[in-house]
Amino acid sequence: MNIYEVIKRPLVTEKTTLEKDNKNVIAFEVAREANKIEVKDAVEKIFNVVVEEVNTVNIAGKRKRTGKNTGKRSNWKKAYVTLKEGSKVDFFEV
C-alpha cells in the first residue's frame, strides 16, 4: 500500500490538540486495511519524524436517519501516533 493511501487526514480537534501539546501524540484517520507498521512507516516518511508508538482504533459508523429513511455512516480507523521526544509536527505552519 502506498504511504499516501495509508494516511487519509489528520484529526484536529480540541482533544487531539491537547494530546499533541501535552503528550506529543498526533491523531490521523487511516485506511481501514492499514496496520500499525504501515502507519508508522508512512508517518516517519511523510513528516520526517521518529515514531515511538502507534495505537489504532476501529470506529463503528453511526446510524442516522433523515425523515423516514435510515442509513449508516461508514466504519473508519483512527491511529494515535506517539512521537519521540524532540520530534514535532505542525499542521498549520505560518
C-alpha atoms as a PDB file:
ATOM      1  CA  MET A   1       0.000   0.000   0.000  1.00  0.00           C
ATOM      2  CA  ASN A   2       1.288   3.481  -0.909  1.00  0.00           C
ATOM      3  CA  ILE A   3       2.226   5.670   2.091  1.00  0.00           C
ATOM      4  CA  TYR A   4      -0.115   8.392   0.846  1.00  0.00           C
ATOM      5  CA  GLU A   5      -3.008   5.898   0.811  1.00  0.00           C
ATOM      6  CA  VAL A   6      -2.340   4.868   4.419  1.00  0.00           C
ATOM      7  CA  ILE A   7      -2.727   8.363   5.947  1.00  0.00           C
ATOM      8  CA  LYS A   8      -6.039   9.899   4.890  1.00  0.00           C
ATOM      9  CA  ARG A   9      -6.127  13.074   7.008  1.00  0.00           C
ATOM     10  CA  PRO A  10      -5.031  14.439  10.361  1.00  0.00           C
ATOM     11  CA  LEU A  11      -7.672  14.737  13.059  1.00  0.00           C
ATOM     12  CA  VAL A  12      -7.565  18.253  14.511  1.00  0.00           C
ATOM     13  CA  THR A  13      -9.957  18.628  17.433  1.00  0.00           C
ATOM     14  CA  GLU A  14      -9.737  20.108  20.909  1.00  0.00           C
ATOM     15  CA  LYS A  15      -8.861  16.735  22.396  1.00  0.00           C
ATOM     16  CA  THR A  16      -6.173  15.890  19.836  1.00  0.00           C
ATOM     17  CA  THR A  17      -4.643  19.366  20.112  1.00  0.00           C
ATOM     18  CA  LEU A  18      -4.293  18.947  23.882  1.00  0.00           C
ATOM     19  CA  GLU A  19      -2.792  15.469  23.368  1.00  0.00           C
ATOM     20  CA  LYS A  20      -0.284  16.912  20.896  1.00  0.00           C
ATOM     21  CA  ASP A  21       0.751  19.702  23.268  1.00  0.00           C
ATOM     22  CA  ASN A  22       0.927  17.622  26.462  1.00  0.00           C
ATOM     23  CA  LYS A  23       1.947  14.100  25.384  1.00  0.00           C
ATOM     24  CA  ASN A  24       3.367  14.613  21.844  1.00  0.00           C
ATOM     25  CA  VAL A  25       0.606  12.400  20.369  1.00  0.00           C
ATOM     26  CA  ILE A  26      -0.984  13.148  17.000  1.00  0.00           C
ATOM     27  CA  ALA A  27      -4.117  11.535  15.562  1.00  0.00           C
ATOM     28  CA  PHE A  28      -4.850  10.513  11.974  1.00  0.00           C
ATOM     29  CA  GLU A  29      -7.659   8.928  10.034  1.00  0.00           C
ATOM     30  CA  VAL A  30      -6.036   5.971   8.298  1.00  0.00           C
ATOM     31  CA  ALA A  31      -7.044   3.329   5.779  1.00  0.00           C
ATOM     32  CA  ARG A  32      -9.064   0.507   7.338  1.00  0.00           C
ATOM     33  CA  GLU A  33      -6.684  -2.108   5.897  1.00  0.00           C
ATOM     34  CA  ALA A  34      -3.555  -0.409   7.292  1.00  0.00           C
ATOM     35  CA  ASN A  35      -1.715  -1.963  10.215  1.00  0.00           C
ATOM     36  CA  LYS A  36       0.459  -0.293  12.861  1.00  0.00           C
ATOM     37  CA  ILE A  37       3.716  -0.928  10.995  1.00  0.00           C
ATOM     38  CA  GLU A  38       2.403   0.678   7.789  1.00  0.00           C
ATOM     39  CA  VAL A  39       1.107   3.689   9.754  1.00  0.00           C
ATOM     40  CA  LYS A  40       4.470   4.106  11.492  1.00  0.00           C
ATOM     41  CA  ASP A  41       6.417   3.957   8.213  1.00  0.00           C
ATOM     42  CA  ALA A  42       4.046   6.393   6.492  1.00  0.00           C
ATOM     43  CA  VAL A  43       4.212   8.999   9.290  1.00  0.00           C
ATOM     44  CA  GLU A  44       8.006   8.759   9.516  1.00  0.00           C
ATOM     45  CA  LYS A  45       8.467   9.203   5.763  1.00  0.00           C
ATOM     46  CA  ILE A  46       5.838  11.910   5.180  1.00  0.00           C
ATOM     47  CA  PHE A  47       6.583  14.137   8.190  1.00  0.00           C
ATOM     48  CA  ASN A  48      10.281  13.252   8.711  1.00  0.00           C
ATOM     49  CA  VAL A  49       9.869  12.443  12.425  1.00  0.00           C
ATOM     50  CA  VAL A  50      10.693   9.492  14.691  1.00  0.00           C
ATOM     51  CA  VAL A  51       7.667   7.474  15.860  1.00  0.00           C
ATOM     52  CA  GLU A  52       7.776   5.810  19.257  1.00  0.00           C
ATOM     53  CA  GLU A  53       4.385   4.041  19.366  1.00  0.00           C
ATOM     54  CA  VAL A  54       1.202   3.602  17.315  1.00  0.00           C
ATOM     55  CA  ASN A  55      -2.245   2.760  18.709  1.00  0.00           C
ATOM     56  CA  THR A  56      -5.170   2.090  16.367  1.00  0.00           C
ATOM     57  CA  VAL A  57      -8.921   2.159  16.973  1.00  0.00           C
ATOM     58  CA  ASN A  58     -11.709   0.914  14.694  1.00  0.00           C
ATOM     59  CA  ILE A  59     -14.638   3.344  14.824  1.00  0.00           C
ATOM     60  CA  ALA A  60     -18.090   1.960  14.006  1.00  0.00           C
ATOM     61  CA  GLY A  61     -20.248   4.144  11.771  1.00  0.00           C
ATOM     62  CA  LYS A  62     -23.281   5.696  13.410  1.00  0.00           C
ATOM     63  CA  ARG A  63     -26.857   5.027  12.359  1.00  0.00           C
ATOM     64  CA  LYS A  64     -28.539   8.184  11.121  1.00  0.00           C
ATOM     65  CA  ARG A  65     -31.995   8.949   9.828  1.00  0.00           C
ATOM     66  CA  THR A  66     -33.414  11.655   7.624  1.00  0.00           C
ATOM     67  CA  GLY A  67     -37.178  11.697   7.929  1.00  0.00           C
ATOM     68  CA  LYS A  68     -38.407   8.158   7.443  1.00  0.00           C
ATOM     69  CA  ASN A  69     -35.210   6.989   5.714  1.00  0.00           C
ATOM     70  CA  THR A  70     -32.463   5.362   7.754  1.00  0.00           C
ATOM     71  CA  GLY A  71     -28.839   4.894   6.831  1.00  0.00           C
ATOM     72  CA  LYS A  72     -25.446   4.163   8.285  1.00  0.00           C
ATOM     73  CA  ARG A  73     -22.190   6.077   8.078  1.00  0.00           C
ATOM     74  CA  SER A  74     -19.074   4.193   7.013  1.00  0.00           C
ATOM     75  CA  ASN A  75     -16.794   2.480   9.510  1.00  0.00           C
ATOM     76  CA  TRP A  76     -13.316   4.022   9.756  1.00  0.00           C
ATOM     77  CA  LYS A  77      -9.992   3.634  11.530  1.00  0.00           C
ATOM     78  CA  LYS A  78      -8.162   6.114  13.754  1.00  0.00           C
ATOM     79  CA  ALA A  79      -4.463   5.999  14.689  1.00  0.00           C
ATOM     80  CA  TYR A  80      -2.841   7.713  17.668  1.00  0.00           C
ATOM     81  CA  VAL A  81       0.866   8.188  16.923  1.00  0.00           C
ATOM     82  CA  THR A  82       3.262   8.939  19.799  1.00  0.00           C
ATOM     83  CA  LEU A  83       6.369  10.799  18.648  1.00  0.00           C
ATOM     84  CA  LYS A  84       9.826  10.573  20.218  1.00  0.00           C
ATOM     85  CA  GLU A  85      10.977  13.406  22.454  1.00  0.00           C
ATOM     86  CA  GLY A  86      12.138  16.285  20.261  1.00  0.00           C
ATOM     87  CA  SER A  87      10.061  15.301  17.198  1.00  0.00           C
ATOM     88  CA  LYS A  88       7.308  17.708  16.207  1.00  0.00           C
ATOM     89  CA  VAL A  89       4.628  18.008  13.504  1.00  0.00           C
ATOM     90  CA  ASP A  90       2.908  21.301  12.719  1.00  0.00           C
ATOM     91  CA  PHE A  91      -0.193  21.104  10.530  1.00  0.00           C
ATOM     92  CA  PHE A  92      -0.701  24.874  10.480  1.00  0.00           C
ATOM     93  CA  GLU A  93       2.750  26.279   9.764  1.00  0.00           C
ATOM     94  CA  VAL A  94       2.958  30.002   9.117  1.00  0.00           C
END
